[in-house]
Each structure stands twice: as C-alpha cells, then as structure tokens.
Amino acid sequence: MMNEFVLGLFLYFPEDKSEYIPAAISCMIFLIAAAFTMRFIIKVSKRQEKVAKELEQRIDNMTRDS
C-alpha cells in the first residue's frame, strides 16, 4: 500500500493533453542540442587526431634521422 502511494506521487497523467506540449518542445530542444554537441565533439576529436598523427610523424622522422 505504501509502495502505491509513493509511485502515485511521481506519476501524473493530465486530463488536458495540451499540457504535454511544453514538455515535448523542451525535450526536442534538448535532443537537438545534444545532437549538435555530439557532432561538435566528433569534429574536435578528428581535428585532434590529425594533429596527433602529424606530431607522431615528426617525432618518428626525427628519431630516424638521429
């Protein structure tokens, strides 16, 4: 019985379905922002990978020359 009461505090299904609209809009905004953030992180990671490979090649060339 106590378990049902606790779960009932967190579950709320409104009769007026228009109350879902703000939640859907904010969810979409955060999903779009997450996708852009992920793309940005991938771009930065690829750029850092390129710089690291160039540095590795320079170090490798320097050790071969020595």
PDB file of N, CA and C in Angstrom:
ATOM      1  N   MET A   1       0.829  -1.196   0.000  1.00  0.00           N
ATOM      2  CA  MET A   1       0.000   0.000   0.000  1.00  0.00           C
ATOM      3  C   MET A   1       0.872   1.259   0.000  1.00  0.00           C
ATOM      4  N   MET A   2       1.916   1.257   0.801  1.00  0.00           N
ATOM      5  CA  MET A   2       2.822   2.408   0.851  1.00  0.00           C
ATOM      6  C   MET A   2       3.534   2.583  -0.483  1.00  0.00           C
ATOM      7  N   ASN A   3       3.849   1.465  -1.126  1.00  0.00           N
ATOM      8  CA  ASN A   3       4.533   1.485  -2.410  1.00  0.00           C
ATOM      9  C   ASN A   3       3.666   2.183  -3.472  1.00  0.00           C
ATOM     10  N   GLU A   4       2.374   1.901  -3.489  1.00  0.00           N
ATOM     11  CA  GLU A   4       1.465   2.540  -4.442  1.00  0.00           C
ATOM     12  C   GLU A   4       1.376   4.042  -4.193  1.00  0.00           C
ATOM     13  N   PHE A   5       1.383   4.429  -2.947  1.00  0.00           N
ATOM     14  CA  PHE A   5       1.323   5.844  -2.604  1.00  0.00           C
ATOM     15  C   PHE A   5       2.560   6.583  -3.097  1.00  0.00           C
ATOM     16  N   VAL A   6       3.739   5.983  -2.891  1.00  0.00           N
ATOM     17  CA  VAL A   6       4.993   6.613  -3.315  1.00  0.00           C
ATOM     18  C   VAL A   6       5.033   6.730  -4.828  1.00  0.00           C
ATOM     19  N   LEU A   7       4.645   5.680  -5.538  1.00  0.00           N
ATOM     20  CA  LEU A   7       4.625   5.738  -7.002  1.00  0.00           C
ATOM     21  C   LEU A   7       3.587   6.733  -7.508  1.00  0.00           C
ATOM     22  N   GLY A   8       2.505   6.869  -6.796  1.00  0.00           N
ATOM     23  CA  GLY A   8       1.469   7.809  -7.186  1.00  0.00           C
ATOM     24  C   GLY A   8       1.916   9.264  -7.103  1.00  0.00           C
ATOM     25  N   LEU A   9       2.903   9.531  -6.276  1.00  0.00           N
ATOM     26  CA  LEU A   9       3.412  10.898  -6.160  1.00  0.00           C
ATOM     27  C   LEU A   9       4.159  11.328  -7.416  1.00  0.00           C
ATOM     28  N   PHE A  10       4.797  10.376  -8.088  1.00  0.00           N
ATOM     29  CA  PHE A  10       5.624  10.705  -9.230  1.00  0.00           C
ATOM     30  C   PHE A  10       4.895  10.578 -10.566  1.00  0.00           C
ATOM     31  N   LEU A  11       3.822   9.831 -10.610  1.00  0.00           N
ATOM     32  CA  LEU A  11       3.074   9.652 -11.850  1.00  0.00           C
ATOM     33  C   LEU A  11       1.926  10.641 -11.914  1.00  0.00           C
ATOM     34  N   TYR A  12       1.884  11.390 -13.001  1.00  0.00           N
ATOM     35  CA  TYR A  12       0.823  12.363 -13.183  1.00  0.00           C
ATOM     36  C   TYR A  12       0.458  12.359 -14.651  1.00  0.00           C
ATOM     37  N   PHE A  13      -0.733  11.936 -14.960  1.00  0.00           N
ATOM     38  CA  PHE A  13      -1.228  11.928 -16.329  1.00  0.00           C
ATOM     39  C   PHE A  13      -2.375  12.925 -16.421  1.00  0.00           C
ATOM     40  N   PRO A  14      -2.128  14.074 -17.032  1.00  0.00           N
ATOM     41  CA  PRO A  14      -3.161  15.116 -17.054  1.00  0.00           C
ATOM     42  C   PRO A  14      -4.327  14.750 -17.980  1.00  0.00           C
ATOM     43  N   GLU A  15      -5.477  15.243 -17.610  1.00  0.00           N
ATOM     44  CA  GLU A  15      -6.661  15.056 -18.454  1.00  0.00           C
ATOM     45  C   GLU A  15      -6.544  15.889 -19.720  1.00  0.00           C
ATOM     46  N   ASP A  16      -6.032  17.107 -19.565  1.00  0.00           N
ATOM     47  CA  ASP A  16      -5.848  18.001 -20.709  1.00  0.00           C
ATOM     48  C   ASP A  16      -4.508  17.680 -21.363  1.00  0.00           C
ATOM     49  N   LYS A  17      -4.555  17.085 -22.536  1.00  0.00           N
ATOM     50  CA  LYS A  17      -3.336  16.630 -23.200  1.00  0.00           C
ATOM     51  C   LYS A  17      -2.479  17.783 -23.722  1.00  0.00           C
ATOM     52  N   SER A  18      -2.982  18.999 -23.699  1.00  0.00           N
ATOM     53  CA  SER A  18      -2.176  20.135 -24.144  1.00  0.00           C
ATOM     54  C   SER A  18      -1.048  20.442 -23.159  1.00  0.00           C
ATOM     55  N   GLU A  19      -1.100  19.862 -21.975  1.00  0.00           N
ATOM     56  CA  GLU A  19      -0.020  20.045 -21.006  1.00  0.00           C
ATOM     57  C   GLU A  19       1.241  19.290 -21.431  1.00  0.00           C
ATOM     58  N   TYR A  20       1.122  18.374 -22.377  1.00  0.00           N
ATOM     59  CA  TYR A  20       2.279  17.652 -22.884  1.00  0.00           C
ATOM     60  C   TYR A  20       3.102  18.487 -23.864  1.00  0.00           C
ATOM     61  N   ILE A  21       2.518  19.518 -24.447  1.00  0.00           N
ATOM     62  CA  ILE A  21       3.190  20.308 -25.488  1.00  0.00           C
ATOM     63  C   ILE A  21       4.467  20.974 -24.974  1.00  0.00           C
ATOM     64  N   PRO A  22       4.463  21.686 -23.851  1.00  0.00           N
ATOM     65  CA  PRO A  22       5.725  22.285 -23.374  1.00  0.00           C
ATOM     66  C   PRO A  22       6.801  21.236 -23.086  1.00  0.00           C
ATOM     67  N   ALA A  23       6.403  20.091 -22.550  1.00  0.00           N
ATOM     68  CA  ALA A  23       7.375  19.030 -22.272  1.00  0.00           C
ATOM     69  C   ALA A  23       7.963  18.494 -23.573  1.00  0.00           C
ATOM     70  N   ALA A  24       7.142  18.337 -24.588  1.00  0.00           N
ATOM     71  CA  ALA A  24       7.625  17.836 -25.878  1.00  0.00           C
ATOM     72  C   ALA A  24       8.568  18.848 -26.531  1.00  0.00           C
ATOM     73  N   ILE A  25       8.235  20.115 -26.426  1.00  0.00           N
ATOM     74  CA  ILE A  25       9.091  21.156 -27.015  1.00  0.00           C
ATOM     75  C   ILE A  25      10.442  21.190 -26.320  1.00  0.00           C
ATOM     76  N   SER A  26      10.440  21.174 -25.003  1.00  0.00           N
ATOM     77  CA  SER A  26      11.728  21.217 -24.294  1.00  0.00           C
ATOM     78  C   SER A  26      12.528  19.944 -24.543  1.00  0.00           C
ATOM     79  N   CYS A  27      11.858  18.815 -24.660  1.00  0.00           N
ATOM     80  CA  CYS A  27      12.556  17.562 -24.964  1.00  0.00           C
ATOM     81  C   CYS A  27      13.215  17.648 -26.338  1.00  0.00           C
ATOM     82  N   MET A  28      12.503  18.179 -27.326  1.00  0.00           N
ATOM     83  CA  MET A  28      13.067  18.319 -28.671  1.00  0.00           C
ATOM     84  C   MET A  28      14.252  19.283 -28.675  1.00  0.00           C
ATOM     85  N   ILE A  29      14.151  20.364 -27.938  1.00  0.00           N
ATOM     86  CA  ILE A  29      15.256  21.330 -27.866  1.00  0.00           C
ATOM     87  C   ILE A  29      16.502  20.658 -27.302  1.00  0.00           C
ATOM     88  N   PHE A  30      16.334  19.895 -26.218  1.00  0.00           N
ATOM     89  CA  PHE A  30      17.483  19.230 -25.616  1.00  0.00           C
ATOM     90  C   PHE A  30      18.034  18.124 -26.510  1.00  0.00           C
ATOM     91  N   LEU A  31      17.177  17.417 -27.237  1.00  0.00           N
ATOM     92  CA  LEU A  31      17.657  16.388 -28.156  1.00  0.00           C
ATOM     93  C   LEU A  31      18.465  17.001 -29.296  1.00  0.00           C
ATOM     94  N   ILE A  32      17.989  18.112 -29.832  1.00  0.00           N
ATOM     95  CA  ILE A  32      18.711  18.794 -30.907  1.00  0.00           C
ATOM     96  C   ILE A  32      20.042  19.333 -30.393  1.00  0.00           C
ATOM     97  N   ALA A  33      20.023  19.925 -29.203  1.00  0.00           N
ATOM     98  CA  ALA A  33      21.269  20.438 -28.615  1.00  0.00           C
ATOM     99  C   ALA A  33      22.254  19.298 -28.354  1.00  0.00           C
ATOM    100  N   ALA A  34      21.771  18.153 -27.923  1.00  0.00           N
ATOM    101  CA  ALA A  34      22.646  17.005 -27.682  1.00  0.00           C
ATOM    102  C   ALA A  34      23.255  16.509 -28.990  1.00  0.00           C
ATOM    103  N   ALA A  35      22.474  16.494 -30.063  1.00  0.00           N
ATOM    104  CA  ALA A  35      22.990  16.059 -31.361  1.00  0.00           C
ATOM    105  C   ALA A  35      24.065  17.016 -31.865  1.00  0.00           C
ATOM    106  N   PHE A  36      23.834  18.322 -31.744  1.00  0.00           N
ATOM    107  CA  PHE A  36      24.844  19.302 -32.160  1.00  0.00           C
ATOM    108  C   PHE A  36      26.110  19.181 -31.308  1.00  0.00           C
ATOM    109  N   THR A  37      25.946  18.964 -30.020  1.00  0.00           N
ATOM    110  CA  THR A  37      27.097  18.810 -29.142  1.00  0.00           C
ATOM    111  C   THR A  37      27.903  17.575 -29.524  1.00  0.00           C
ATOM    112  N   MET A  38      27.211  16.482 -29.815  1.00  0.00           N
ATOM    113  CA  MET A  38      27.900  15.266 -30.214  1.00  0.00           C
ATOM    114  C   MET A  38      28.676  15.481 -31.515  1.00  0.00           C
ATOM    115  N   ARG A  39      28.064  16.143 -32.478  1.00  0.00           N
ATOM    116  CA  ARG A  39      28.747  16.421 -33.750  1.00  0.00           C
ATOM    117  C   ARG A  39      29.974  17.311 -33.521  1.00  0.00           C
ATOM    118  N   PHE A  40      29.846  18.309 -32.652  1.00  0.00           N
ATOM    119  CA  PHE A  40      30.959  19.201 -32.340  1.00  0.00           C
ATOM    120  C   PHE A  40      32.115  18.421 -31.705  1.00  0.00           C
ATOM    121  N   ILE A  41      31.792  17.535 -30.765  1.00  0.00           N
ATOM    122  CA  ILE A  41      32.826  16.738 -30.102  1.00  0.00           C
ATOM    123  C   ILE A  41      33.520  15.825 -31.106  1.00  0.00           C
ATOM    124  N   ILE A  42      32.774  15.248 -32.035  1.00  0.00           N
ATOM    125  CA  ILE A  42      33.375  14.386 -33.054  1.00  0.00           C
ATOM    126  C   ILE A  42      34.309  15.186 -33.950  1.00  0.00           C
ATOM    127  N   LYS A  43      33.901  16.387 -34.352  1.00  0.00           N
ATOM    128  CA  LYS A  43      34.761  17.223 -35.195  1.00  0.00           C
ATOM    129  C   LYS A  43      36.057  17.594 -34.480  1.00  0.00           C
ATOM    130  N   VAL A  44      35.947  18.003 -33.221  1.00  0.00           N
ATOM    131  CA  VAL A  44      37.134  18.377 -32.453  1.00  0.00           C
ATOM    132  C   VAL A  44      38.040  17.168 -32.272  1.00  0.00           C
ATOM    133  N   SER A  45      37.463  16.011 -32.024  1.00  0.00           N
ATOM    134  CA  SER A  45      38.240  14.798 -31.842  1.00  0.00           C
ATOM    135  C   SER A  45      39.006  14.436 -33.115  1.00  0.00           C
ATOM    136  N   LYS A  46      38.357  14.552 -34.258  1.00  0.00           N
ATOM    137  CA  LYS A  46      39.039  14.260 -35.522  1.00  0.00           C
ATOM    138  C   LYS A  46      40.168  15.253 -35.781  1.00  0.00           C
ATOM    139  N   ARG A  47      39.938  16.507 -35.450  1.00  0.00           N
ATOM    140  CA  ARG A  47      40.972  17.529 -35.610  1.00  0.00           C
ATOM    141  C   ARG A  47      42.165  17.218 -34.703  1.00  0.00           C
ATOM    142  N   GLN A  48      41.907  16.826 -33.468  1.00  0.00           N
ATOM    143  CA  GLN A  48      42.986  16.479 -32.542  1.00  0.00           C
ATOM    144  C   GLN A  48      43.712  15.220 -32.992  1.00  0.00           C
ATOM    145  N   GLU A  49      42.977  14.286 -33.567  1.00  0.00           N
ATOM    146  CA  GLU A  49      43.608  13.070 -34.078  1.00  0.00           C
ATOM    147  C   GLU A  49      44.573  13.402 -35.215  1.00  0.00           C
ATOM    148  N   LYS A  50      44.173  14.307 -36.087  1.00  0.00           N
ATOM    149  CA  LYS A  50      45.029  14.716 -37.201  1.00  0.00           C
ATOM    150  C   LYS A  50      46.306  15.385 -36.683  1.00  0.00           C
ATOM    151  N   VAL A  51      46.164  16.274 -35.715  1.00  0.00           N
ATOM    152  CA  VAL A  51      47.325  16.958 -35.141  1.00  0.00           C
ATOM    153  C   VAL A  51      48.243  15.946 -34.452  1.00  0.00           C
ATOM    154  N   ALA A  52      47.684  14.988 -33.744  1.00  0.00           N
ATOM    155  CA  ALA A  52      48.481  13.983 -33.050  1.00  0.00           C
ATOM    156  C   ALA A  52      49.246  13.108 -34.041  1.00  0.00           C
ATOM    157  N   LYS A  53      48.606  12.754 -35.165  1.00  0.00           N
ATOM    158  CA  LYS A  53      49.296  11.944 -36.170  1.00  0.00           C
ATOM    159  C   LYS A  53      50.443  12.721 -36.800  1.00  0.00           C
ATOM    160  N   GLU A  54      50.222  14.007 -37.071  1.00  0.00           N
ATOM    161  CA  GLU A  54      51.297  14.822 -37.631  1.00  0.00           C
ATOM    162  C   GLU A  54      52.465  14.926 -36.647  1.00  0.00           C
ATOM    163  N   LEU A  55      52.167  15.118 -35.382  1.00  0.00           N
ATOM    164  CA  LEU A  55      53.210  15.190 -34.360  1.00  0.00           C
ATOM    165  C   LEU A  55      53.947  13.856 -34.251  1.00  0.00           C
ATOM    166  N   GLU A  56      53.208  12.769 -34.300  1.00  0.00           N
ATOM    167  CA  GLU A  56      53.818  11.451 -34.239  1.00  0.00           C
ATOM    168  C   GLU A  56      54.751  11.222 -35.433  1.00  0.00           C
ATOM    169  N   GLN A  57      54.331  11.660 -36.614  1.00  0.00           N
ATOM    170  CA  GLN A  57      55.184  11.515 -37.798  1.00  0.00           C
ATOM    171  C   GLN A  57      56.448  12.363 -37.672  1.00  0.00           C
ATOM    172  N   ARG A  58      56.317  13.583 -37.155  1.00  0.00           N
ATOM    173  CA  ARG A  58      57.502  14.431 -36.980  1.00  0.00           C
ATOM    174  C   ARG A  58      58.475  13.812 -35.989  1.00  0.00           C
ATOM    175  N   ILE A  59      57.949  13.278 -34.896  1.00  0.00           N
ATOM    176  CA  ILE A  59      58.814  12.647 -33.896  1.00  0.00           C
ATOM    177  C   ILE A  59      59.475  11.407 -34.490  1.00  0.00           C
ATOM    178  N   ASP A  60      58.708  10.631 -35.244  1.00  0.00           N
ATOM    179  CA  ASP A  60      59.253   9.434 -35.870  1.00  0.00           C
ATOM    180  C   ASP A  60      60.355   9.787 -36.862  1.00  0.00           C
ATOM    181  N   ASN A  61      60.143  10.850 -37.639  1.00  0.00           N
ATOM    182  CA  ASN A  61      61.169  11.303 -38.604  1.00  0.00           C
ATOM    183  C   ASN A  61      62.409  11.790 -37.884  1.00  0.00           C
ATOM    184  N   MET A  62      62.226  12.469 -36.757  1.00  0.00           N
ATOM    185  CA  MET A  62      63.369  12.987 -36.003  1.00  0.00           C
ATOM    186  C   MET A  62      64.193  11.829 -35.419  1.00  0.00           C
ATOM    187  N   THR A  63      63.544  10.792 -34.951  1.00  0.00           N
ATOM    188  CA  THR A  63      64.272   9.657 -34.373  1.00  0.00           C
ATOM    189  C   THR A  63      64.975   8.845 -35.455  1.00  0.00           C
ATOM    190  N   ARG A  64      64.435   8.807 -36.643  1.00  0.00           N
ATOM    191  CA  ARG A  64      65.074   8.078 -37.749  1.00  0.00           C
ATOM    192  C   ARG A  64      66.310   8.830 -38.221  1.00  0.00           C
ATOM    193  N   ASP A  65      66.221  10.153 -38.232  1.00  0.00           N
ATOM    194  CA  ASP A  65      67.344  10.969 -38.690  1.00  0.00           C
ATOM    195  C   ASP A  65      68.514  10.926 -37.708  1.00  0.00           C
ATOM    196  N   SER A  66      68.243  10.739 -36.456  1.00  0.00           N
ATOM    197  CA  SER A  66      69.302  10.763 -35.419  1.00  0.00           C
ATOM    198  C   SER A  66      70.151   9.540 -35.426  1.00  0.00           C
TER     199      SER A  66
END
